[in-house]
Amino acid sequence: MGSTQDGSRDDNEQRSVDEVVDRLSKKFPDLDRDEIRRIVDEEHRAFDGRPVRDFVPVLVEKGAKRRIKAAAKSG
């Protein structure tokens, strides 16, 4: 899944990241879906150019969830 030689994204990885947005939107219904998408996209971009892509969606979800929880506590 998601592995390319140059570290770029592929369709499977993008679908997995889209599923992250879906899961987090369900888990945090009080947070606007667009805000969740923005956070997930920022987390995803952090992995651009990295050659090993297999775990990117998992790492994106973990980072986004951490940020969303922190935002929920402060907001």
Foldseek 3Di string as FASTA:
>chain_A
DQADQQQAGDPVLVVLLVVLLVVVCVVCVVDDSVVLVVQLVVQLVVRRRPRDGPCSSVSSSVRSVVVVVVVVVVD
